[in-house]
C-alpha cells in the first residue's frame, strides 16, 4: 500500500548557456563545461549543444 502523504520525487534540470559559465563555474558545470564557457568568452567557436 502506497503512502498518499509521501511527497513525490522531483527531478531538477539546470541549463546554462556557455556564455554564462566561466572557470569559476567548475562546481556547477564541471571542468569541461567551465572550459567550454571560457572558450566561448574567448570567441572560439564551440558547437551548439556540445
N, C-alpha and C. Protein backbone atom coordinates (compact mmCIF):
# COMPACT_ATOMS: atom_id res chain seq x y z
N UNK A 1 0.84 -1.18 0.00
CA UNK A 1 0.00 0.00 0.00
C UNK A 1 0.89 1.25 0.00
N UNK A 2 0.63 2.16 -0.91
CA UNK A 2 1.42 3.39 -1.02
C UNK A 2 0.94 4.43 -0.02
N UNK A 3 1.89 5.17 0.50
CA UNK A 3 1.58 6.25 1.43
C UNK A 3 1.21 7.49 0.62
N UNK A 4 -0.03 7.93 0.71
CA UNK A 4 -0.51 9.08 -0.08
C UNK A 4 0.09 10.40 0.40
N UNK A 5 0.57 10.44 1.64
CA UNK A 5 1.15 11.68 2.18
C UNK A 5 2.62 11.84 1.85
N UNK A 6 3.22 10.79 1.30
CA UNK A 6 4.65 10.84 0.99
C UNK A 6 4.86 11.73 -0.25
N UNK A 7 5.75 12.72 -0.17
CA UNK A 7 5.98 13.60 -1.33
C UNK A 7 6.59 12.83 -2.50
N UNK A 8 6.23 13.23 -3.71
CA UNK A 8 6.77 12.60 -4.91
C UNK A 8 8.19 13.09 -5.14
N UNK A 9 9.01 12.22 -5.72
CA UNK A 9 10.38 12.61 -6.06
C UNK A 9 10.32 13.54 -7.26
N UNK A 10 11.13 14.57 -7.23
CA UNK A 10 11.19 15.52 -8.32
C UNK A 10 12.59 15.50 -8.91
N UNK A 11 12.66 15.61 -10.21
CA UNK A 11 13.97 15.75 -10.83
C UNK A 11 14.14 17.20 -11.24
N UNK A 12 15.33 17.70 -11.07
CA UNK A 12 15.62 19.09 -11.41
C UNK A 12 16.54 19.13 -12.62
N UNK A 13 16.30 20.06 -13.50
CA UNK A 13 17.14 20.23 -14.67
C UNK A 13 17.70 21.64 -14.66
N UNK A 14 18.99 21.73 -14.80
CA UNK A 14 19.65 23.02 -14.83
C UNK A 14 20.31 23.19 -16.19
N UNK A 15 19.97 24.24 -16.87
CA UNK A 15 20.56 24.54 -18.16
C UNK A 15 21.12 25.95 -18.11
N UNK A 16 22.38 26.08 -18.51
CA UNK A 16 23.04 27.37 -18.52
C UNK A 16 23.81 27.47 -19.83
N UNK A 17 23.72 28.60 -20.49
CA UNK A 17 24.46 28.76 -21.74
C UNK A 17 25.94 28.93 -21.43
N UNK A 18 26.79 28.55 -22.39
CA UNK A 18 28.24 28.67 -22.20
C UNK A 18 28.66 30.11 -21.95
N UNK A 19 27.89 31.06 -22.47
CA UNK A 19 28.25 32.47 -22.29
C UNK A 19 28.09 32.92 -20.83
N UNK A 20 27.38 32.14 -20.02
CA UNK A 20 27.18 32.48 -18.61
C UNK A 20 28.05 31.63 -17.68
N UNK A 21 28.98 30.84 -18.27
CA UNK A 21 29.84 29.95 -17.49
C UNK A 21 31.29 30.40 -17.66
N UNK A 22 32.05 30.35 -16.57
CA UNK A 22 33.48 30.70 -16.63
C UNK A 22 34.26 29.66 -15.82
N UNK A 23 35.56 29.88 -15.71
CA UNK A 23 36.39 28.95 -14.93
C UNK A 23 35.99 28.93 -13.46
N UNK A 24 35.27 29.94 -13.01
CA UNK A 24 34.77 29.97 -11.63
C UNK A 24 33.54 29.08 -11.45
N UNK A 25 33.03 28.52 -12.56
CA UNK A 25 31.81 27.71 -12.52
C UNK A 25 32.08 26.22 -12.46
N UNK A 26 33.29 25.82 -12.09
CA UNK A 26 33.66 24.40 -12.09
C UNK A 26 32.72 23.57 -11.21
N UNK A 27 32.33 24.10 -10.06
CA UNK A 27 31.45 23.35 -9.15
C UNK A 27 30.11 23.02 -9.80
N UNK A 28 29.53 23.96 -10.52
CA UNK A 28 28.21 23.72 -11.11
C UNK A 28 28.25 23.18 -12.52
N UNK A 29 29.32 23.42 -13.27
CA UNK A 29 29.37 22.99 -14.67
C UNK A 29 30.41 21.91 -14.93
N UNK A 30 31.27 21.63 -13.96
CA UNK A 30 32.33 20.67 -14.17
C UNK A 30 33.48 21.31 -14.94
N UNK A 31 34.59 20.62 -14.99
CA UNK A 31 35.76 21.16 -15.65
C UNK A 31 35.58 21.37 -17.13
N UNK A 32 34.97 20.40 -17.80
CA UNK A 32 34.76 20.51 -19.24
C UNK A 32 33.79 21.65 -19.57
N UNK A 33 32.71 21.76 -18.80
CA UNK A 33 31.75 22.84 -19.01
C UNK A 33 32.37 24.20 -18.79
N UNK A 34 33.18 24.32 -17.74
CA UNK A 34 33.85 25.60 -17.45
C UNK A 34 34.81 25.96 -18.57
N UNK A 35 35.51 24.96 -19.09
CA UNK A 35 36.43 25.21 -20.21
C UNK A 35 35.68 25.67 -21.46
N UNK A 36 34.54 25.05 -21.72
CA UNK A 36 33.73 25.47 -22.88
C UNK A 36 33.21 26.89 -22.69
N UNK A 37 32.89 27.27 -21.46
CA UNK A 37 32.48 28.64 -21.16
C UNK A 37 33.60 29.62 -21.42
N UNK A 38 34.81 29.25 -21.02
CA UNK A 38 35.99 30.11 -21.25
C UNK A 38 36.26 30.23 -22.75
N UNK A 39 36.11 29.14 -23.49
CA UNK A 39 36.33 29.17 -24.93
C UNK A 39 35.31 30.08 -25.61
N UNK A 40 34.07 30.02 -25.16
CA UNK A 40 33.02 30.88 -25.71
C UNK A 40 33.33 32.34 -25.44
N UNK A 41 33.80 32.65 -24.23
CA UNK A 41 34.15 34.03 -23.87
C UNK A 41 35.32 34.54 -24.71
N UNK A 42 36.20 33.62 -25.13
CA UNK A 42 37.37 34.00 -25.93
C UNK A 42 37.03 34.03 -27.43
N UNK A 43 35.74 33.90 -27.74
CA UNK A 43 35.24 33.93 -29.13
C UNK A 43 35.74 32.75 -29.97
N UNK A 44 36.04 31.63 -29.32
CA UNK A 44 36.40 30.40 -30.03
C UNK A 44 35.10 29.69 -30.35
N UNK A 45 34.98 29.19 -31.55
CA UNK A 45 33.74 28.53 -31.98
C UNK A 45 33.53 27.23 -31.22
N UNK A 46 32.40 27.15 -30.54
CA UNK A 46 32.01 25.94 -29.81
C UNK A 46 30.67 25.50 -30.41
N UNK A 47 30.57 24.25 -30.88
CA UNK A 47 29.31 23.79 -31.47
C UNK A 47 28.14 23.89 -30.48
N UNK A 48 26.99 24.29 -30.96
CA UNK A 48 25.79 24.39 -30.14
C UNK A 48 25.43 22.99 -29.64
N UNK A 49 25.14 22.90 -28.37
CA UNK A 49 24.73 21.62 -27.77
C UNK A 49 25.87 20.66 -27.59
N UNK A 50 27.09 21.14 -27.58
CA UNK A 50 28.27 20.29 -27.44
C UNK A 50 28.21 19.48 -26.18
